[in-house]
Amino acid sequence: MVTHVDPASREPIIDTAHSPKHPHQNAAAKAGHAPGGGDLEDSVDSVVDRALDSAAAEQAERTAAVGPASLSRRRMGVLFVAAATVYLLDMVTKYLAVRYLTGHDPVPVVDGLLRLRLVRNPGAAFGIGVNMTIVFTLVAMVVVGVILRMARRLYSVPWAIAFGLLLGGALGNLTDRVFRPPAVLRGHVVDFLELPYWPVFNIADSAIVIGGCLMVVLSFRGLQPDGRVSRD
């Protein structure tokens, strides 16, 4: 700011025309009128847009990674619930059969269709392999291991149920072969359900058969364990 004195009136006169601008105003004016100022703004906007796009992409990747894992855990939950249900039901019914049917005649449940008869089975169904008890024990262990390994890649509820039925049934009969007489790994399986013209069986056997049939149906329908649907 410059001050002059009027010779006539002797009063000070403030000359604003030559007053220097505030430093911040000068900086703002220079920034606003600097060559390429619009290009700088565009560059900043471009950087921000790229940063936002990158963050969105990373979030999408995290969602995609967490989503299938969470889905697989839910399917594993279905599998283990089905397996636990079959296993507990098999163990309880075998306990009751041994307790109340030992030394007794067969008990008719549905006349001419179903009766309860206690049988100790050292082999497989239909009396196959009565001298190969330890082989069936090892096979059951392998089956359980394979099912547990495949469970981590399950994304289909029907397949989870099918594998759960197989797992529960395999564990039920495996428990008999490991812990029941006459020896460890050579135990005889407890069977007690008898149908006409059909070998005596148990709940575990039923679960294995139902689970196997369900797998066949799912395969024919093109539904894969990982949730994909084949149209072949």
C-alpha atoms as a PDB file:
ATOM      1  CA  MET A   1       0.000   0.000   0.000  1.00  0.00           C
ATOM      2  CA  VAL A   2       1.405   3.502  -1.048  1.00  0.00           C
ATOM      3  CA  THR A   3       0.440   6.797   0.715  1.00  0.00           C
ATOM      4  CA  HIS A   4       0.666  10.269  -0.926  1.00  0.00           C
ATOM      5  CA  VAL A   5      -0.012  13.774   0.501  1.00  0.00           C
ATOM      6  CA  ASP A   6      -2.315  16.106  -1.409  1.00  0.00           C
ATOM      7  CA  PRO A   7      -0.433  19.458  -1.711  1.00  0.00           C
ATOM      8  CA  ALA A   8      -3.670  21.472  -1.602  1.00  0.00           C
ATOM      9  CA  SER A   9      -5.424  19.820   1.326  1.00  0.00           C
ATOM     10  CA  ARG A  10      -2.401  18.411   3.035  1.00  0.00           C
ATOM     11  CA  GLU A  11      -4.489  15.194   3.571  1.00  0.00           C
ATOM     12  CA  PRO A  12      -2.996  11.744   3.000  1.00  0.00           C
ATOM     13  CA  ILE A  13      -4.200   9.843  -0.044  1.00  0.00           C
ATOM     14  CA  ILE A  14      -3.988   6.007  -0.144  1.00  0.00           C
ATOM     15  CA  ASP A  15      -3.073   4.631  -3.543  1.00  0.00           C
ATOM     16  CA  THR A  16      -4.495   1.125  -3.847  1.00  0.00           C
ATOM     17  CA  ALA A  17      -3.605   0.725  -7.463  1.00  0.00           C
ATOM     18  CA  HIS A  18      -0.015  -0.021  -6.588  1.00  0.00           C
ATOM     19  CA  SER A  19      -0.789  -1.915  -3.385  1.00  0.00           C
ATOM     20  CA  PRO A  20       0.826  -5.399  -3.439  1.00  0.00           C
ATOM     21  CA  LYS A  21      -1.560  -8.322  -3.181  1.00  0.00           C
ATOM     22  CA  HIS A  22      -1.566 -10.730  -0.231  1.00  0.00           C
ATOM     23  CA  PRO A  23       0.940 -13.555  -0.741  1.00  0.00           C
ATOM     24  CA  HIS A  24      -1.820 -16.189  -0.641  1.00  0.00           C
ATOM     25  CA  GLN A  25      -3.831 -14.261  -3.209  1.00  0.00           C
ATOM     26  CA  ASN A  26      -0.803 -14.076  -5.448  1.00  0.00           C
ATOM     27  CA  ALA A  27      -0.239 -17.827  -5.121  1.00  0.00           C
ATOM     28  CA  ALA A  28      -3.891 -18.554  -5.891  1.00  0.00           C
ATOM     29  CA  ALA A  29      -3.851 -16.224  -8.869  1.00  0.00           C
ATOM     30  CA  LYS A  30      -0.699 -17.808 -10.206  1.00  0.00           C
ATOM     31  CA  ALA A  31      -2.139 -21.302  -9.739  1.00  0.00           C
ATOM     32  CA  GLY A  32      -5.365 -20.350 -11.427  1.00  0.00           C
ATOM     33  CA  HIS A  33      -3.684 -18.695 -14.391  1.00  0.00           C
ATOM     34  CA  ALA A  34      -0.659 -20.913 -14.618  1.00  0.00           C
ATOM     35  CA  PRO A  35      -0.241 -22.627 -17.967  1.00  0.00           C
ATOM     36  CA  GLY A  36      -1.533 -26.244 -17.848  1.00  0.00           C
ATOM     37  CA  GLY A  37      -3.589 -25.768 -14.667  1.00  0.00           C
ATOM     38  CA  GLY A  38      -6.514 -27.712 -16.159  1.00  0.00           C
ATOM     39  CA  ASP A  39      -4.203 -30.568 -17.117  1.00  0.00           C
ATOM     40  CA  LEU A  40      -3.019 -30.801 -13.525  1.00  0.00           C
ATOM     41  CA  GLU A  41      -6.604 -31.131 -12.263  1.00  0.00           C
ATOM     42  CA  ASP A  42      -7.309 -33.805 -14.849  1.00  0.00           C
ATOM     43  CA  SER A  43      -4.205 -35.703 -13.757  1.00  0.00           C
ATOM     44  CA  VAL A  44      -5.282 -35.592 -10.108  1.00  0.00           C
ATOM     45  CA  ASP A  45      -8.771 -36.825 -11.019  1.00  0.00           C
ATOM     46  CA  SER A  46      -7.256 -39.632 -13.053  1.00  0.00           C
ATOM     47  CA  VAL A  47      -5.059 -40.757 -10.161  1.00  0.00           C
ATOM     48  CA  VAL A  48      -8.029 -40.726  -7.776  1.00  0.00           C
ATOM     49  CA  ASP A  49     -10.162 -42.713 -10.214  1.00  0.00           C
ATOM     50  CA  ARG A  50      -7.459 -45.330 -10.624  1.00  0.00           C
ATOM     51  CA  ALA A  51      -7.055 -45.610  -6.858  1.00  0.00           C
ATOM     52  CA  LEU A  52     -10.797 -46.101  -6.396  1.00  0.00           C
ATOM     53  CA  ASP A  53     -10.927 -48.689  -9.171  1.00  0.00           C
ATOM     54  CA  SER A  54      -8.018 -50.565  -7.628  1.00  0.00           C
ATOM     55  CA  ALA A  55      -9.676 -50.572  -4.198  1.00  0.00           C
ATOM     56  CA  ALA A  56     -12.940 -51.826  -5.706  1.00  0.00           C
ATOM     57  CA  ALA A  57     -11.107 -54.591  -7.541  1.00  0.00           C
ATOM     58  CA  GLU A  58      -9.318 -55.659  -4.362  1.00  0.00           C
ATOM     59  CA  GLN A  59     -12.626 -55.730  -2.471  1.00  0.00           C
ATOM     60  CA  ALA A  60     -14.219 -57.824  -5.195  1.00  0.00           C
ATOM     61  CA  GLU A  61     -11.322 -60.260  -5.012  1.00  0.00           C
ATOM     62  CA  ARG A  62     -11.639 -60.522  -1.243  1.00  0.00           C
ATOM     63  CA  THR A  63     -15.394 -61.092  -1.537  1.00  0.00           C
ATOM     64  CA  ALA A  64     -14.897 -63.739  -4.172  1.00  0.00           C
ATOM     65  CA  ALA A  65     -12.305 -65.438  -2.013  1.00  0.00           C
ATOM     66  CA  VAL A  66     -14.339 -65.354   1.199  1.00  0.00           C
ATOM     67  CA  GLY A  67     -17.692 -66.214  -0.384  1.00  0.00           C
ATOM     68  CA  PRO A  68     -16.859 -69.704  -1.711  1.00  0.00           C
ATOM     69  CA  ALA A  69     -14.976 -70.576   1.477  1.00  0.00           C
ATOM     70  CA  SER A  70     -17.951 -69.619   3.599  1.00  0.00           C
ATOM     71  CA  LEU A  71     -20.237 -71.571   1.276  1.00  0.00           C
ATOM     72  CA  SER A  72     -17.994 -74.621   1.527  1.00  0.00           C
ATOM     73  CA  ARG A  73     -18.034 -74.422   5.331  1.00  0.00           C
ATOM     74  CA  ARG A  74     -21.827 -74.412   5.323  1.00  0.00           C
ATOM     75  CA  ARG A  75     -21.897 -77.463   3.051  1.00  0.00           C
ATOM     76  CA  MET A  76     -19.402 -79.203   5.339  1.00  0.00           C
ATOM     77  CA  GLY A  77     -21.725 -78.409   8.221  1.00  0.00           C
ATOM     78  CA  VAL A  78     -24.574 -80.149   6.387  1.00  0.00           C
ATOM     79  CA  LEU A  79     -22.322 -83.155   5.724  1.00  0.00           C
ATOM     80  CA  PHE A  80     -21.240 -83.502   9.349  1.00  0.00           C
ATOM     81  CA  VAL A  81     -24.771 -83.070  10.697  1.00  0.00           C
ATOM     82  CA  ALA A  82     -26.009 -85.846   8.393  1.00  0.00           C
ATOM     83  CA  ALA A  83     -23.062 -88.069   9.343  1.00  0.00           C
ATOM     84  CA  ALA A  84     -23.521 -87.460  13.080  1.00  0.00           C
ATOM     85  CA  THR A  85     -27.247 -88.192  12.858  1.00  0.00           C
ATOM     86  CA  VAL A  86     -26.655 -91.505  11.079  1.00  0.00           C
ATOM     87  CA  TYR A  87     -23.823 -92.476  13.410  1.00  0.00           C
ATOM     88  CA  LEU A  88     -25.733 -91.764  16.623  1.00  0.00           C
ATOM     89  CA  LEU A  89     -28.856 -93.515  15.367  1.00  0.00           C
ATOM     90  CA  ASP A  90     -26.786 -96.531  14.336  1.00  0.00           C
ATOM     91  CA  MET A  91     -24.976 -96.739  17.669  1.00  0.00           C
ATOM     92  CA  VAL A  92     -28.148 -96.402  19.734  1.00  0.00           C
ATOM     93  CA  THR A  93     -30.111 -99.005  17.751  1.00  0.00           C
ATOM     94  CA  LYS A  94     -27.201-101.469  17.873  1.00  0.00           C
ATOM     95  CA  TYR A  95     -26.962-101.021  21.634  1.00  0.00           C
ATOM     96  CA  LEU A  96     -30.670-101.701  22.023  1.00  0.00           C
ATOM     97  CA  ALA A  97     -30.504-104.695  19.684  1.00  0.00           C
ATOM     98  CA  VAL A  98     -27.650-106.299  21.622  1.00  0.00           C
ATOM     99  CA  ARG A  99     -29.337-105.618  24.944  1.00  0.00           C
ATOM    100  CA  TYR A 100     -32.842-106.810  24.130  1.00  0.00           C
ATOM    101  CA  LEU A 101     -32.416-109.330  21.307  1.00  0.00           C
ATOM    102  CA  THR A 102     -29.481-111.394  22.581  1.00  0.00           C
ATOM    103  CA  GLY A 103     -30.686-114.942  23.248  1.00  0.00           C
ATOM    104  CA  HIS A 104     -34.230-114.208  22.012  1.00  0.00           C
ATOM    105  CA  ASP A 105     -36.238-115.305  19.015  1.00  0.00           C
ATOM    106  CA  PRO A 106     -36.815-112.837  16.167  1.00  0.00           C
ATOM    107  CA  VAL A 107     -39.368-110.139  16.961  1.00  0.00           C
ATOM    108  CA  PRO A 108     -41.956-109.379  14.235  1.00  0.00           C
ATOM    109  CA  VAL A 109     -42.406-105.653  13.605  1.00  0.00           C
ATOM    110  CA  VAL A 110     -44.497-105.657  10.432  1.00  0.00           C
ATOM    111  CA  ASP A 111     -46.020-109.086   9.832  1.00  0.00           C
ATOM    112  CA  GLY A 112     -44.481-110.733   6.808  1.00  0.00           C
ATOM    113  CA  LEU A 113     -42.346-107.703   5.984  1.00  0.00           C
ATOM    114  CA  LEU A 114     -39.960-106.708   8.776  1.00  0.00           C
ATOM    115  CA  ARG A 115     -38.668-108.399  11.882  1.00  0.00           C
ATOM    116  CA  LEU A 116     -35.795-107.896  14.331  1.00  0.00           C
ATOM    117  CA  ARG A 117     -33.183-110.668  14.475  1.00  0.00           C
ATOM    118  CA  LEU A 118     -29.745-110.224  15.999  1.00  0.00           C
ATOM    119  CA  VAL A 119     -26.843-111.331  13.815  1.00  0.00           C
ATOM    120  CA  ARG A 120     -23.083-110.846  14.273  1.00  0.00           C
ATOM    121  CA  ASN A 121     -21.630-110.341  10.811  1.00  0.00           C
ATOM    122  CA  PRO A 122     -17.859-110.842  10.309  1.00  0.00           C
ATOM    123  CA  GLY A 123     -17.996-110.095   6.573  1.00  0.00           C
ATOM    124  CA  ALA A 124     -19.816-107.855   4.143  1.00  0.00           C
ATOM    125  CA  ALA A 125     -23.361-107.938   2.847  1.00  0.00           C
ATOM    126  CA  PHE A 126     -24.822-111.212   1.575  1.00  0.00           C
ATOM    127  CA  GLY A 127     -22.261-113.136   3.641  1.00  0.00           C
ATOM    128  CA  ILE A 128     -19.391-112.158   1.354  1.00  0.00           C
ATOM    129  CA  GLY A 129     -15.850-112.307   2.734  1.00  0.00           C
ATOM    130  CA  VAL A 130     -16.522-113.767   6.179  1.00  0.00           C
ATOM    131  CA  ASN A 131     -12.781-114.434   6.543  1.00  0.00           C
ATOM    132  CA  MET A 132     -11.735-110.955   5.382  1.00  0.00           C
ATOM    133  CA  THR A 133     -12.884-108.843   8.327  1.00  0.00           C
ATOM    134  CA  ILE A 134      -9.626-106.918   8.626  1.00  0.00           C
ATOM    135  CA  VAL A 135      -9.716-106.094   4.900  1.00  0.00           C
ATOM    136  CA  PHE A 136     -13.179-104.569   5.235  1.00  0.00           C
ATOM    137  CA  THR A 137     -11.939-102.609   8.246  1.00  0.00           C
ATOM    138  CA  LEU A 138      -9.078-101.103   6.260  1.00  0.00           C
ATOM    139  CA  VAL A 139     -11.368-100.362   3.313  1.00  0.00           C
ATOM    140  CA  ALA A 140     -13.781 -98.541   5.644  1.00  0.00           C
ATOM    141  CA  MET A 141     -10.896 -96.435   6.966  1.00  0.00           C
ATOM    142  CA  VAL A 142      -9.884 -95.473   3.439  1.00  0.00           C
ATOM    143  CA  VAL A 143     -13.486 -94.559   2.569  1.00  0.00           C
ATOM    144  CA  VAL A 144     -13.736 -92.302   5.629  1.00  0.00           C
ATOM    145  CA  GLY A 145     -10.456 -90.594   4.706  1.00  0.00           C
ATOM    146  CA  VAL A 146     -11.539 -89.998   1.105  1.00  0.00           C
ATOM    147  CA  ILE A 147     -14.874 -88.515   2.178  1.00  0.00           C
ATOM    148  CA  LEU A 148     -13.195 -86.150   4.643  1.00  0.00           C
ATOM    149  CA  ARG A 149     -10.749 -85.044   1.961  1.00  0.00           C
ATOM    150  CA  MET A 150     -13.489 -84.366  -0.587  1.00  0.00           C
ATOM    151  CA  ALA A 151     -15.607 -82.520   1.962  1.00  0.00           C
ATOM    152  CA  ARG A 152     -13.403 -79.424   1.602  1.00  0.00           C
ATOM    153  CA  ARG A 153     -14.460 -79.026  -2.038  1.00  0.00           C
ATOM    154  CA  LEU A 154     -18.191 -79.447  -1.536  1.00  0.00           C
ATOM    155  CA  TYR A 155     -20.493 -76.650  -2.728  1.00  0.00           C
ATOM    156  CA  SER A 156     -23.665 -78.719  -3.245  1.00  0.00           C
ATOM    157  CA  VAL A 157     -26.165 -79.490  -0.484  1.00  0.00           C
ATOM    158  CA  PRO A 158     -27.459 -82.747  -2.066  1.00  0.00           C
ATOM    159  CA  TRP A 159     -23.905 -84.012  -2.439  1.00  0.00           C
ATOM    160  CA  ALA A 160     -23.145 -82.969   1.141  1.00  0.00           C
ATOM    161  CA  ILE A 161     -26.113 -85.030   2.337  1.00  0.00           C
ATOM    162  CA  ALA A 162     -25.037 -88.019   0.226  1.00  0.00           C
ATOM    163  CA  PHE A 163     -21.477 -87.882   1.554  1.00  0.00           C
ATOM    164  CA  GLY A 164     -22.811 -87.420   5.073  1.00  0.00           C
ATOM    165  CA  LEU A 165     -24.900 -90.590   4.798  1.00  0.00           C
ATOM    166  CA  LEU A 166     -21.880 -92.514   3.515  1.00  0.00           C
ATOM    167  CA  LEU A 167     -19.607 -91.102   6.208  1.00  0.00           C
ATOM    168  CA  GLY A 168     -22.030 -91.851   9.045  1.00  0.00           C
ATOM    169  CA  GLY A 169     -22.659 -95.380   7.813  1.00  0.00           C
ATOM    170  CA  ALA A 170     -18.972 -96.116   7.269  1.00  0.00           C
ATOM    171  CA  LEU A 171     -18.092 -94.837  10.737  1.00  0.00           C
ATOM    172  CA  GLY A 172     -20.902 -96.862  12.316  1.00  0.00           C
ATOM    173  CA  ASN A 173     -19.735-100.182  10.893  1.00  0.00           C
ATOM    174  CA  LEU A 174     -16.079 -99.214  11.353  1.00  0.00           C
ATOM    175  CA  THR A 175     -16.717 -98.709  15.075  1.00  0.00           C
ATOM    176  CA  ASP A 176     -18.053-102.264  15.281  1.00  0.00           C
ATOM    177  CA  ARG A 177     -15.070-103.720  13.436  1.00  0.00           C
ATOM    178  CA  VAL A 178     -12.570-101.875  15.616  1.00  0.00           C
ATOM    179  CA  PHE A 179     -14.107-102.249  19.091  1.00  0.00           C
ATOM    180  CA  ARG A 180     -16.458-105.242  19.129  1.00  0.00           C
ATOM    181  CA  PRO A 181     -15.455-108.873  19.768  1.00  0.00           C
ATOM    182  CA  PRO A 182     -13.659-111.013  18.906  1.00  0.00           C
ATOM    183  CA  ALA A 183     -10.643-108.682  18.428  1.00  0.00           C
ATOM    184  CA  VAL A 184      -9.525-105.192  17.476  1.00  0.00           C
ATOM    185  CA  LEU A 185      -9.916-104.606  13.715  1.00  0.00           C
ATOM    186  CA  ARG A 186     -11.666-107.989  13.512  1.00  0.00           C
ATOM    187  CA  GLY A 187     -14.906-107.134  15.271  1.00  0.00           C
ATOM    188  CA  HIS A 188     -18.228-108.459  14.004  1.00  0.00           C
ATOM    189  CA  VAL A 189     -20.813-105.931  12.870  1.00  0.00           C
ATOM    190  CA  VAL A 190     -24.169-105.963  14.656  1.00  0.00           C
ATOM    191  CA  ASP A 191     -27.091-106.477  12.238  1.00  0.00           C
ATOM    192  CA  PHE A 192     -30.691-106.735  13.355  1.00  0.00           C
ATOM    193  CA  LEU A 193     -33.106-105.616  10.596  1.00  0.00           C
ATOM    194  CA  GLU A 194     -34.493-108.440   8.445  1.00  0.00           C
ATOM    195  CA  LEU A 195     -36.622-108.232   5.308  1.00  0.00           C
ATOM    196  CA  PRO A 196     -37.955-111.191   3.284  1.00  0.00           C
ATOM    197  CA  TYR A 197     -35.351-112.594   0.887  1.00  0.00           C
ATOM    198  CA  TRP A 198     -32.819-110.020   2.034  1.00  0.00           C
ATOM    199  CA  PRO A 199     -29.771-110.321   4.313  1.00  0.00           C
ATOM    200  CA  VAL A 200     -29.987-108.900   7.820  1.00  0.00           C
ATOM    201  CA  PHE A 201     -28.695-105.323   7.948  1.00  0.00           C
ATOM    202  CA  ASN A 202     -28.484-102.266  10.189  1.00  0.00           C
ATOM    203  CA  ILE A 203     -28.968 -98.488  10.086  1.00  0.00           C
ATOM    204  CA  ALA A 204     -25.417 -97.890   8.862  1.00  0.00           C
ATOM    205  CA  ASP A 205     -25.963-100.239   5.916  1.00  0.00           C
ATOM    206  CA  SER A 206     -29.180 -98.430   5.031  1.00  0.00           C
ATOM    207  CA  ALA A 207     -27.456 -95.037   5.112  1.00  0.00           C
ATOM    208  CA  ILE A 208     -24.648 -96.276   2.866  1.00  0.00           C
ATOM    209  CA  VAL A 209     -27.107 -97.667   0.311  1.00  0.00           C
ATOM    210  CA  ILE A 210     -29.256 -94.512   0.336  1.00  0.00           C
ATOM    211  CA  GLY A 211     -26.192 -92.278   0.046  1.00  0.00           C
ATOM    212  CA  GLY A 212     -24.863 -94.320  -2.866  1.00  0.00           C
ATOM    213  CA  CYS A 213     -28.203 -94.212  -4.675  1.00  0.00           C
ATOM    214  CA  LEU A 214     -28.412 -90.456  -4.141  1.00  0.00           C
ATOM    215  CA  MET A 215     -24.958 -90.030  -5.693  1.00  0.00           C
ATOM    216  CA  VAL A 216     -26.038 -92.012  -8.748  1.00  0.00           C
ATOM    217  CA  VAL A 217     -29.128 -89.839  -9.164  1.00  0.00           C
ATOM    218  CA  LEU A 218     -27.144 -86.624  -8.781  1.00  0.00           C
ATOM    219  CA  SER A 219     -24.574 -87.811 -11.320  1.00  0.00           C
ATOM    220  CA  PHE A 220     -27.275 -88.674 -13.863  1.00  0.00           C
ATOM    221  CA  ARG A 221     -28.822 -85.242 -13.350  1.00  0.00           C
ATOM    222  CA  GLY A 222     -25.456 -83.629 -14.063  1.00  0.00           C
ATOM    223  CA  LEU A 223     -24.979 -82.022 -10.640  1.00  0.00           C
ATOM    224  CA  GLN A 224     -21.330 -82.023  -9.582  1.00  0.00           C
ATOM    225  CA  PRO A 225     -20.009 -81.963  -5.981  1.00  0.00           C
ATOM    226  CA  ASP A 226     -18.514 -78.517  -6.612  1.00  0.00           C
ATOM    227  CA  GLY A 227     -21.959 -77.127  -7.505  1.00  0.00           C
ATOM    228  CA  ARG A 228     -21.527 -77.074 -11.271  1.00  0.00           C
ATOM    229  CA  VAL A 229     -24.229 -78.504 -13.499  1.00  0.00           C
ATOM    230  CA  SER A 230     -23.135 -80.527 -16.504  1.00  0.00           C
ATOM    231  CA  ARG A 231     -25.413 -80.385 -19.543  1.00  0.00           C
ATOM    232  CA  ASP A 232     -23.851 -83.329 -21.371  1.00  0.00           C
END
